[in-house]
Amino acid sequence: MADFDLFRFVPFRLNRLAAEVSNALSEEYQARYGLDIPEWRVMATLGFRDEACSAQFIAQCTRTHKSTISRAVTTLLTRELIERVENSDDRRAFELRLSPKGKALYDELIPRLLSKEQDILSCLTAQERSNFARALDKIEQSLDLVQTRHTQKADAY
């Protein structure tokens, strides 16, 4: 059996890193705005887009289970942070977008999260941050992850 060092195993390291970064960021939106991680993922996906999108696209984009996104959407609709809009291609379906209240929250929160991101990445030089971003891009591309803000009809579940 080959030597195995869990702390050098990339999937383990990425999972641990993602959990820590997610928890660090959630401190900003959970305490101040009462959002949990899935709710934030919905808000973030809708907030950076120019057009509405489906819950299915959010689930695919964030790699979050559809039922988890569905619960988050229900909560955000109840809190009036997002709203349903009719799908222009299929009048029986609906898409989601931030409500004015949700947009105001998003616009207030983003600078705080960007600052927190800078704090997290401050241990890296500018060149290391650039190399890290390029490496993440390549891995995401190799795994065929969504890397665009635009909904592509073929990407829907």
N, C-alpha and C. Protein backbone atom coordinates (compact mmCIF):
# COMPACT_ATOMS: atom_id res chain seq x y z
N MET A 1 0.85 -1.19 0.00
CA MET A 1 0.00 0.00 0.00
C MET A 1 0.89 1.24 0.00
N ALA A 2 0.55 2.20 -0.84
CA ALA A 2 1.32 3.45 -0.95
C ALA A 2 1.15 4.27 0.32
N ASP A 3 2.17 5.07 0.61
CA ASP A 3 2.07 5.97 1.75
C ASP A 3 0.94 6.96 1.49
N PHE A 4 0.15 7.19 2.49
CA PHE A 4 -0.97 8.11 2.36
C PHE A 4 -0.90 9.10 3.51
N ASP A 5 -0.80 10.36 3.16
CA ASP A 5 -0.80 11.43 4.16
C ASP A 5 -2.06 12.25 3.94
N LEU A 6 -3.01 12.08 4.82
CA LEU A 6 -4.29 12.77 4.69
C LEU A 6 -4.11 14.27 4.55
N PHE A 7 -3.13 14.81 5.23
CA PHE A 7 -2.93 16.26 5.21
C PHE A 7 -2.23 16.76 3.95
N ARG A 8 -1.89 15.88 3.04
CA ARG A 8 -1.35 16.24 1.73
C ARG A 8 -2.34 15.85 0.63
N PHE A 9 -3.43 15.17 0.98
CA PHE A 9 -4.44 14.70 0.03
C PHE A 9 -5.31 15.89 -0.39
N VAL A 10 -5.22 16.29 -1.66
CA VAL A 10 -5.84 17.53 -2.14
C VAL A 10 -7.35 17.59 -1.87
N PRO A 11 -8.14 16.54 -2.13
CA PRO A 11 -9.58 16.67 -1.81
C PRO A 11 -9.84 16.98 -0.33
N PHE A 12 -9.10 16.36 0.55
CA PHE A 12 -9.25 16.65 1.97
C PHE A 12 -8.88 18.09 2.27
N ARG A 13 -7.77 18.54 1.71
CA ARG A 13 -7.30 19.90 1.96
C ARG A 13 -8.29 20.93 1.43
N LEU A 14 -8.81 20.71 0.22
CA LEU A 14 -9.78 21.65 -0.36
C LEU A 14 -11.06 21.69 0.46
N ASN A 15 -11.52 20.53 0.91
CA ASN A 15 -12.74 20.48 1.71
C ASN A 15 -12.56 21.23 3.03
N ARG A 16 -11.43 21.00 3.69
CA ARG A 16 -11.15 21.68 4.94
C ARG A 16 -11.03 23.19 4.75
N LEU A 17 -10.33 23.57 3.71
CA LEU A 17 -10.15 24.98 3.40
C LEU A 17 -11.50 25.65 3.09
N ALA A 18 -12.30 24.98 2.27
CA ALA A 18 -13.62 25.53 1.92
C ALA A 18 -14.49 25.69 3.16
N ALA A 19 -14.47 24.72 4.04
CA ALA A 19 -15.28 24.80 5.26
C ALA A 19 -14.84 25.97 6.13
N GLU A 20 -13.54 26.14 6.29
CA GLU A 20 -13.03 27.24 7.12
C GLU A 20 -13.34 28.61 6.53
N VAL A 21 -13.13 28.75 5.23
CA VAL A 21 -13.40 30.03 4.57
C VAL A 21 -14.90 30.32 4.63
N SER A 22 -15.72 29.32 4.36
CA SER A 22 -17.17 29.50 4.41
C SER A 22 -17.62 29.92 5.81
N ASN A 23 -17.08 29.27 6.82
CA ASN A 23 -17.42 29.64 8.19
C ASN A 23 -16.97 31.06 8.53
N ALA A 24 -15.78 31.43 8.08
CA ALA A 24 -15.29 32.79 8.35
C ALA A 24 -16.19 33.84 7.70
N LEU A 25 -16.62 33.58 6.47
CA LEU A 25 -17.50 34.52 5.78
C LEU A 25 -18.90 34.52 6.40
N SER A 26 -19.36 33.35 6.85
CA SER A 26 -20.71 33.27 7.39
C SER A 26 -20.87 34.11 8.65
N GLU A 27 -19.76 34.36 9.34
CA GLU A 27 -19.83 35.24 10.51
C GLU A 27 -20.36 36.62 10.12
N GLU A 28 -20.00 37.07 8.92
CA GLU A 28 -20.45 38.38 8.45
C GLU A 28 -21.95 38.39 8.16
N TYR A 29 -22.44 37.39 7.43
CA TYR A 29 -23.85 37.46 7.03
C TYR A 29 -24.80 36.77 7.98
N GLN A 30 -24.29 35.90 8.86
CA GLN A 30 -25.19 35.22 9.78
C GLN A 30 -25.54 36.11 10.97
N ALA A 31 -24.55 36.64 11.62
CA ALA A 31 -24.80 37.45 12.82
C ALA A 31 -25.53 38.75 12.48
N ARG A 32 -25.08 39.42 11.45
CA ARG A 32 -25.62 40.73 11.11
C ARG A 32 -26.95 40.66 10.36
N TYR A 33 -27.10 39.66 9.49
CA TYR A 33 -28.27 39.63 8.60
C TYR A 33 -29.15 38.40 8.78
N GLY A 34 -28.75 37.47 9.64
CA GLY A 34 -29.57 36.29 9.89
C GLY A 34 -29.66 35.33 8.73
N LEU A 35 -28.67 35.32 7.86
CA LEU A 35 -28.66 34.41 6.71
C LEU A 35 -27.80 33.20 7.04
N ASP A 36 -28.29 32.01 6.66
CA ASP A 36 -27.43 30.84 6.79
C ASP A 36 -26.68 30.65 5.47
N ILE A 37 -25.81 29.65 5.42
CA ILE A 37 -24.96 29.47 4.24
C ILE A 37 -25.79 29.23 2.97
N PRO A 38 -26.77 28.32 2.96
CA PRO A 38 -27.56 28.15 1.72
C PRO A 38 -28.31 29.42 1.30
N GLU A 39 -28.84 30.16 2.28
CA GLU A 39 -29.54 31.41 1.94
C GLU A 39 -28.56 32.41 1.32
N TRP A 40 -27.36 32.48 1.88
CA TRP A 40 -26.36 33.37 1.30
C TRP A 40 -26.00 32.92 -0.11
N ARG A 41 -25.88 31.62 -0.36
CA ARG A 41 -25.55 31.13 -1.69
C ARG A 41 -26.60 31.56 -2.70
N VAL A 42 -27.87 31.52 -2.31
CA VAL A 42 -28.95 31.98 -3.20
C VAL A 42 -28.80 33.48 -3.45
N MET A 43 -28.64 34.25 -2.38
CA MET A 43 -28.50 35.70 -2.50
C MET A 43 -27.29 36.06 -3.37
N ALA A 44 -26.17 35.39 -3.14
CA ALA A 44 -24.94 35.70 -3.89
C ALA A 44 -25.12 35.39 -5.37
N THR A 45 -25.73 34.26 -5.67
CA THR A 45 -25.92 33.88 -7.07
C THR A 45 -26.84 34.87 -7.78
N LEU A 46 -27.90 35.26 -7.11
CA LEU A 46 -28.83 36.23 -7.72
C LEU A 46 -28.22 37.62 -7.77
N GLY A 47 -27.43 37.97 -6.77
CA GLY A 47 -26.92 39.33 -6.66
C GLY A 47 -25.90 39.72 -7.70
N PHE A 48 -25.12 38.77 -8.17
CA PHE A 48 -24.07 39.15 -9.12
C PHE A 48 -24.53 39.00 -10.56
N ARG A 49 -25.76 38.57 -10.76
CA ARG A 49 -26.29 38.37 -12.10
C ARG A 49 -27.09 39.58 -12.57
N ASP A 50 -27.18 39.73 -13.88
CA ASP A 50 -27.98 40.81 -14.45
C ASP A 50 -29.44 40.41 -14.66
N GLU A 51 -29.67 39.09 -14.73
CA GLU A 51 -31.03 38.61 -15.00
C GLU A 51 -31.43 37.56 -13.98
N ALA A 52 -32.73 37.31 -13.89
CA ALA A 52 -33.25 36.30 -12.98
C ALA A 52 -32.79 34.91 -13.44
N CYS A 53 -32.87 33.95 -12.52
CA CYS A 53 -32.51 32.57 -12.89
C CYS A 53 -33.35 31.60 -12.06
N SER A 54 -33.25 30.35 -12.43
CA SER A 54 -34.03 29.31 -11.74
C SER A 54 -33.31 28.82 -10.49
N ALA A 55 -34.08 28.24 -9.60
CA ALA A 55 -33.49 27.59 -8.42
C ALA A 55 -32.59 26.45 -8.85
N GLN A 56 -32.93 25.79 -9.95
CA GLN A 56 -32.10 24.69 -10.46
C GLN A 56 -30.71 25.20 -10.85
N PHE A 57 -30.66 26.37 -11.49
CA PHE A 57 -29.37 26.95 -11.86
C PHE A 57 -28.56 27.27 -10.60
N ILE A 58 -29.22 27.81 -9.58
CA ILE A 58 -28.52 28.14 -8.33
C ILE A 58 -27.94 26.86 -7.72
N ALA A 59 -28.72 25.80 -7.69
CA ALA A 59 -28.25 24.52 -7.14
C ALA A 59 -27.04 24.02 -7.93
N GLN A 60 -27.12 24.11 -9.25
CA GLN A 60 -26.01 23.64 -10.09
C GLN A 60 -24.78 24.53 -9.90
N CYS A 61 -24.98 25.81 -9.89
CA CYS A 61 -23.88 26.77 -9.79
C CYS A 61 -23.15 26.64 -8.47
N THR A 62 -23.91 26.47 -7.37
CA THR A 62 -23.32 26.42 -6.04
C THR A 62 -22.98 25.01 -5.57
N ARG A 63 -23.37 24.00 -6.37
CA ARG A 63 -23.15 22.60 -6.00
C ARG A 63 -23.82 22.29 -4.66
N THR A 64 -25.03 22.81 -4.49
CA THR A 64 -25.82 22.60 -3.29
C THR A 64 -27.05 21.80 -3.68
N HIS A 65 -27.44 20.84 -2.84
CA HIS A 65 -28.57 19.98 -3.15
C HIS A 65 -29.84 20.81 -3.39
N LYS A 66 -30.64 20.37 -4.35
CA LYS A 66 -31.85 21.10 -4.73
C LYS A 66 -32.79 21.33 -3.55
N SER A 67 -32.93 20.35 -2.66
CA SER A 67 -33.84 20.52 -1.52
C SER A 67 -33.33 21.60 -0.57
N THR A 68 -32.02 21.70 -0.42
CA THR A 68 -31.43 22.73 0.44
C THR A 68 -31.67 24.11 -0.16
N ILE A 69 -31.50 24.23 -1.47
CA ILE A 69 -31.77 25.50 -2.15
C ILE A 69 -33.26 25.84 -2.06
N SER A 70 -34.11 24.85 -2.21
CA SER A 70 -35.56 25.07 -2.13
C SER A 70 -35.94 25.63 -0.77
N ARG A 71 -35.41 25.08 0.30
CA ARG A 71 -35.70 25.60 1.65
C ARG A 71 -35.19 27.04 1.80
N ALA A 72 -33.99 27.29 1.28
CA ALA A 72 -33.43 28.65 1.36
C ALA A 72 -34.31 29.63 0.58
N VAL A 73 -34.75 29.23 -0.60
CA VAL A 73 -35.62 30.09 -1.42
C VAL A 73 -36.91 30.40 -0.67
N THR A 74 -37.50 29.40 -0.05
CA THR A 74 -38.74 29.61 0.70
C THR A 74 -38.54 30.64 1.80
N THR A 75 -37.44 30.50 2.55
CA THR A 75 -37.15 31.45 3.63
C THR A 75 -36.92 32.85 3.08
N LEU A 76 -36.15 32.96 2.01
CA LEU A 76 -35.85 34.28 1.43
C LEU A 76 -37.09 34.93 0.84
N LEU A 77 -37.99 34.14 0.26
CA LEU A 77 -39.26 34.67 -0.24
C LEU A 77 -40.09 35.21 0.93
N THR A 78 -40.14 34.45 2.02
CA THR A 78 -40.89 34.86 3.21
C THR A 78 -40.33 36.16 3.79
N ARG A 79 -39.01 36.29 3.79
CA ARG A 79 -38.36 37.50 4.31
C ARG A 79 -38.37 38.64 3.29
N GLU A 80 -38.93 38.38 2.10
CA GLU A 80 -39.03 39.36 1.02
C GLU A 80 -37.67 39.87 0.56
N LEU A 81 -36.65 38.99 0.60
CA LEU A 81 -35.32 39.34 0.10
C LEU A 81 -35.15 38.94 -1.36
N ILE A 82 -35.98 38.00 -1.81
CA ILE A 82 -36.01 37.63 -3.22
C ILE A 82 -37.45 37.61 -3.68
N GLU A 83 -37.64 37.59 -4.99
CA GLU A 83 -39.00 37.54 -5.54
C GLU A 83 -39.02 36.65 -6.76
N ARG A 84 -40.21 36.13 -7.03
CA ARG A 84 -40.41 35.31 -8.22
C ARG A 84 -40.78 36.20 -9.39
N VAL A 85 -40.28 35.83 -10.56
CA VAL A 85 -40.66 36.50 -11.80
C VAL A 85 -41.01 35.43 -12.82
N GLU A 86 -41.93 35.75 -13.67
CA GLU A 86 -42.36 34.79 -14.69
C GLU A 86 -41.22 34.52 -15.67
N ASN A 87 -41.04 33.27 -16.02
CA ASN A 87 -40.05 32.86 -17.01
C ASN A 87 -40.56 33.26 -18.38
N SER A 88 -39.79 34.03 -19.12
CA SER A 88 -40.24 34.52 -20.42
C SER A 88 -40.38 33.39 -21.44
N ASP A 89 -39.65 32.29 -21.26
CA ASP A 89 -39.73 31.16 -22.19
C ASP A 89 -40.86 30.19 -21.86
N ASP A 90 -41.24 30.12 -20.59
CA ASP A 90 -42.26 29.16 -20.14
C ASP A 90 -43.08 29.83 -19.06
N ARG A 91 -44.26 30.29 -19.42
CA ARG A 91 -45.10 31.06 -18.50
C ARG A 91 -45.55 30.26 -17.29
N ARG A 92 -45.42 28.94 -17.33
CA ARG A 92 -45.79 28.11 -16.18
C ARG A 92 -44.68 28.08 -15.14
N ALA A 93 -43.48 28.39 -15.55
CA ALA A 93 -42.33 28.35 -14.66
C ALA A 93 -42.02 29.75 -14.16
N PHE A 94 -41.22 29.80 -13.11
CA PHE A 94 -40.79 31.10 -12.60
C PHE A 94 -39.30 31.07 -12.35
N GLU A 95 -38.75 32.27 -12.30
CA GLU A 95 -37.34 32.45 -11.97
C GLU A 95 -37.27 33.35 -10.76
N LEU A 96 -36.08 33.51 -10.25
CA LEU A 96 -35.88 34.27 -9.03
C LEU A 96 -34.95 35.45 -9.27
N ARG A 97 -35.15 36.51 -8.51
CA ARG A 97 -34.24 37.66 -8.51
C ARG A 97 -34.30 38.30 -7.14
N LEU A 98 -33.31 39.13 -6.84
CA LEU A 98 -33.33 39.87 -5.59
C LEU A 98 -34.46 40.89 -5.62
N SER A 99 -35.13 41.04 -4.50
CA SER A 99 -36.11 42.11 -4.36
C SER A 99 -35.33 43.40 -4.06
N PRO A 100 -35.98 44.54 -4.09
CA PRO A 100 -35.26 45.77 -3.70
C PRO A 100 -34.65 45.66 -2.30
N LYS A 101 -35.37 45.07 -1.38
CA LYS A 101 -34.86 44.86 -0.01
C LYS A 101 -33.63 43.94 -0.04
N GLY A 102 -33.70 42.88 -0.83
CA GLY A 102 -32.59 41.95 -0.97
C GLY A 102 -31.38 42.59 -1.63
N LYS A 103 -31.63 43.43 -2.63
CA LYS A 103 -30.54 44.13 -3.32
C LYS A 103 -29.83 45.08 -2.37
N ALA A 104 -30.59 45.77 -1.53
CA ALA A 104 -29.99 46.68 -0.55
C ALA A 104 -29.12 45.91 0.44
N LEU A 105 -29.60 44.76 0.90
CA LEU A 105 -28.81 43.92 1.81
C LEU A 105 -27.55 43.44 1.10
N TYR A 106 -27.70 42.96 -0.11
CA TYR A 106 -26.56 42.47 -0.90
C TYR A 106 -25.52 43.57 -1.08
N ASP A 107 -25.97 44.76 -1.48
CA ASP A 107 -25.05 45.88 -1.71
C ASP A 107 -24.33 46.30 -0.43
N GLU A 108 -24.97 46.16 0.70
CA GLU A 108 -24.34 46.49 1.98
C GLU A 108 -23.35 45.40 2.40
N LEU A 109 -23.68 44.15 2.10
CA LEU A 109 -22.88 43.02 2.56
C LEU A 109 -21.63 42.77 1.71
N ILE A 110 -21.70 42.98 0.41
CA ILE A 110 -20.59 42.63 -0.48
C ILE A 110 -19.27 43.29 -0.08
N PRO A 111 -19.22 44.58 0.20
CA PRO A 111 -17.93 45.17 0.60
C PRO A 111 -17.35 44.51 1.86
N ARG A 112 -18.21 44.10 2.79
CA ARG A 112 -17.74 43.43 4.01
C ARG A 112 -17.13 42.08 3.67
N LEU A 113 -17.77 41.34 2.74
CA LEU A 113 -17.26 40.03 2.37
C LEU A 113 -15.98 40.14 1.55
N LEU A 114 -15.91 41.13 0.69
CA LEU A 114 -14.68 41.34 -0.08
C LEU A 114 -13.51 41.69 0.84
N SER A 115 -13.79 42.47 1.86
CA SER A 115 -12.77 42.81 2.84
C SER A 115 -12.31 41.57 3.60
N LYS A 116 -13.27 40.74 3.98
CA LYS A 116 -12.95 39.49 4.68
C LYS A 116 -12.13 38.57 3.77
N GLU A 117 -12.48 38.51 2.49
CA GLU A 117 -11.71 37.72 1.53
C GLU A 117 -10.27 38.22 1.47
N GLN A 118 -10.09 39.53 1.43
CA GLN A 118 -8.74 40.11 1.40
C GLN A 118 -7.95 39.72 2.66
N ASP A 119 -8.63 39.74 3.80
CA ASP A 119 -7.98 39.33 5.05
C ASP A 119 -7.51 37.88 4.96
N ILE A 120 -8.36 37.02 4.44
CA ILE A 120 -8.04 35.59 4.33
C ILE A 120 -6.86 35.38 3.39
N LEU A 121 -6.84 36.12 2.29
CA LEU A 121 -5.78 35.95 1.29
C LEU A 121 -4.53 36.78 1.57
N SER A 122 -4.54 37.55 2.65
CA SER A 122 -3.42 38.45 2.92
C SER A 122 -2.11 37.72 3.21
N CYS A 123 -2.17 36.44 3.49
CA CYS A 123 -0.95 35.66 3.72
C CYS A 123 -0.23 35.35 2.40
N LEU A 124 -0.88 35.64 1.28
CA LEU A 124 -0.30 35.39 -0.05
C LEU A 124 0.18 36.69 -0.68
N THR A 125 1.25 36.60 -1.47
CA THR A 125 1.68 37.77 -2.24
C THR A 125 0.70 37.97 -3.39
N ALA A 126 0.81 39.11 -4.05
CA ALA A 126 -0.05 39.38 -5.21
C ALA A 126 0.14 38.31 -6.27
N GLN A 127 1.38 37.90 -6.52
CA GLN A 127 1.66 36.86 -7.52
C GLN A 127 1.06 35.52 -7.09
N GLU A 128 1.16 35.20 -5.82
CA GLU A 128 0.58 33.95 -5.32
C GLU A 128 -0.94 33.96 -5.44
N ARG A 129 -1.57 35.10 -5.16
CA ARG A 129 -3.03 35.21 -5.31
C ARG A 129 -3.43 35.00 -6.76
N SER A 130 -2.68 35.60 -7.67
CA SER A 130 -2.95 35.44 -9.10
C SER A 130 -2.77 33.99 -9.54
N ASN A 131 -1.69 33.37 -9.11
CA ASN A 131 -1.45 31.96 -9.45
C ASN A 131 -2.52 31.05 -8.85
N PHE A 132 -2.92 31.34 -7.63
CA PHE A 132 -3.96 30.57 -6.96
C PHE A 132 -5.28 30.67 -7.73
N ALA A 133 -5.65 31.88 -8.13
CA ALA A 133 -6.89 32.08 -8.89
C ALA A 133 -6.84 31.33 -10.22
N ARG A 134 -5.70 31.38 -10.90
CA ARG A 134 -5.57 30.65 -12.17
C ARG A 134 -5.66 29.14 -11.95
N ALA A 135 -5.04 28.65 -10.89
CA ALA A 135 -5.10 27.21 -10.59
C ALA A 135 -6.53 26.79 -10.29
N LEU A 136 -7.25 27.58 -9.51
CA LEU A 136 -8.65 27.27 -9.23
C LEU A 136 -9.48 27.27 -10.51
N ASP A 137 -9.25 28.26 -11.39
CA ASP A 137 -9.95 28.31 -12.68
C ASP A 137 -9.74 27.01 -13.46
N LYS A 138 -8.51 26.55 -13.53
CA LYS A 138 -8.19 25.35 -14.29
C LYS A 138 -8.87 24.12 -13.70
N ILE A 139 -8.86 24.00 -12.39
CA ILE A 139 -9.51 22.86 -11.74
C ILE A 139 -11.01 22.91 -11.98
N GLU A 140 -11.61 24.09 -11.82
CA GLU A 140 -13.06 24.23 -12.05
C GLU A 140 -13.41 23.88 -13.49
N GLN A 141 -12.60 24.33 -14.45
CA GLN A 141 -12.85 24.01 -15.86
C GLN A 141 -12.74 22.51 -16.10
N SER A 142 -11.75 21.87 -15.49
CA SER A 142 -11.56 20.44 -15.71
C SER A 142 -12.72 19.63 -15.13
N LEU A 143 -13.40 20.19 -14.12
CA LEU A 143 -14.56 19.53 -13.52
C LEU A 143 -15.87 20.01 -14.12
N ASP A 144 -15.78 20.87 -15.14
CA ASP A 144 -16.95 21.40 -15.84
C ASP A 144 -17.92 22.13 -14.91
N LEU A 145 -17.36 22.92 -13.99
CA LEU A 145 -18.20 23.69 -13.09
C LEU A 145 -18.63 24.99 -13.77
N VAL A 146 -19.81 25.48 -13.39
CA VAL A 146 -20.31 26.75 -13.92
C VAL A 146 -19.32 27.85 -13.56
N GLN A 147 -18.92 28.63 -14.57
CA GLN A 147 -17.97 29.72 -14.33
C GLN A 147 -18.44 31.02 -14.97
N THR A 148 -19.71 31.16 -15.16
CA THR A 148 -20.25 32.36 -15.79
C THR A 148 -21.49 32.82 -15.04
N ARG A 149 -21.75 34.09 -15.10
CA ARG A 149 -22.95 34.62 -14.45
C ARG A 149 -24.20 34.41 -15.30
N HIS A 150 -24.01 33.98 -16.55
CA HIS A 150 -25.14 33.84 -17.46
C HIS A 150 -25.70 32.43 -17.45
N THR A 151 -27.01 32.33 -17.37
CA THR A 151 -27.67 31.03 -17.41
C THR A 151 -27.56 30.49 -18.81
N GLN A 152 -27.15 29.27 -18.91
CA GLN A 152 -27.14 28.58 -20.20
C GLN A 152 -28.20 27.51 -20.12
N LYS A 153 -29.14 27.53 -21.05
CA LYS A 153 -30.29 26.61 -20.99
C LYS A 153 -29.85 25.17 -20.89
N ALA A 154 -28.73 24.80 -21.53
CA ALA A 154 -28.26 23.43 -21.49
C ALA A 154 -27.74 23.05 -20.11
N ASP A 155 -27.45 24.05 -19.27
CA ASP A 155 -26.92 23.77 -17.94
C ASP A 155 -28.00 23.40 -16.93
N ALA A 156 -29.25 23.71 -17.24
CA ALA A 156 -30.32 23.45 -16.27
C ALA A 156 -30.49 21.96 -16.04
N TYR A 157 -30.92 21.63 -14.84
CA TYR A 157 -31.19 20.22 -14.51
C TYR A 157 -32.30 19.69 -15.36
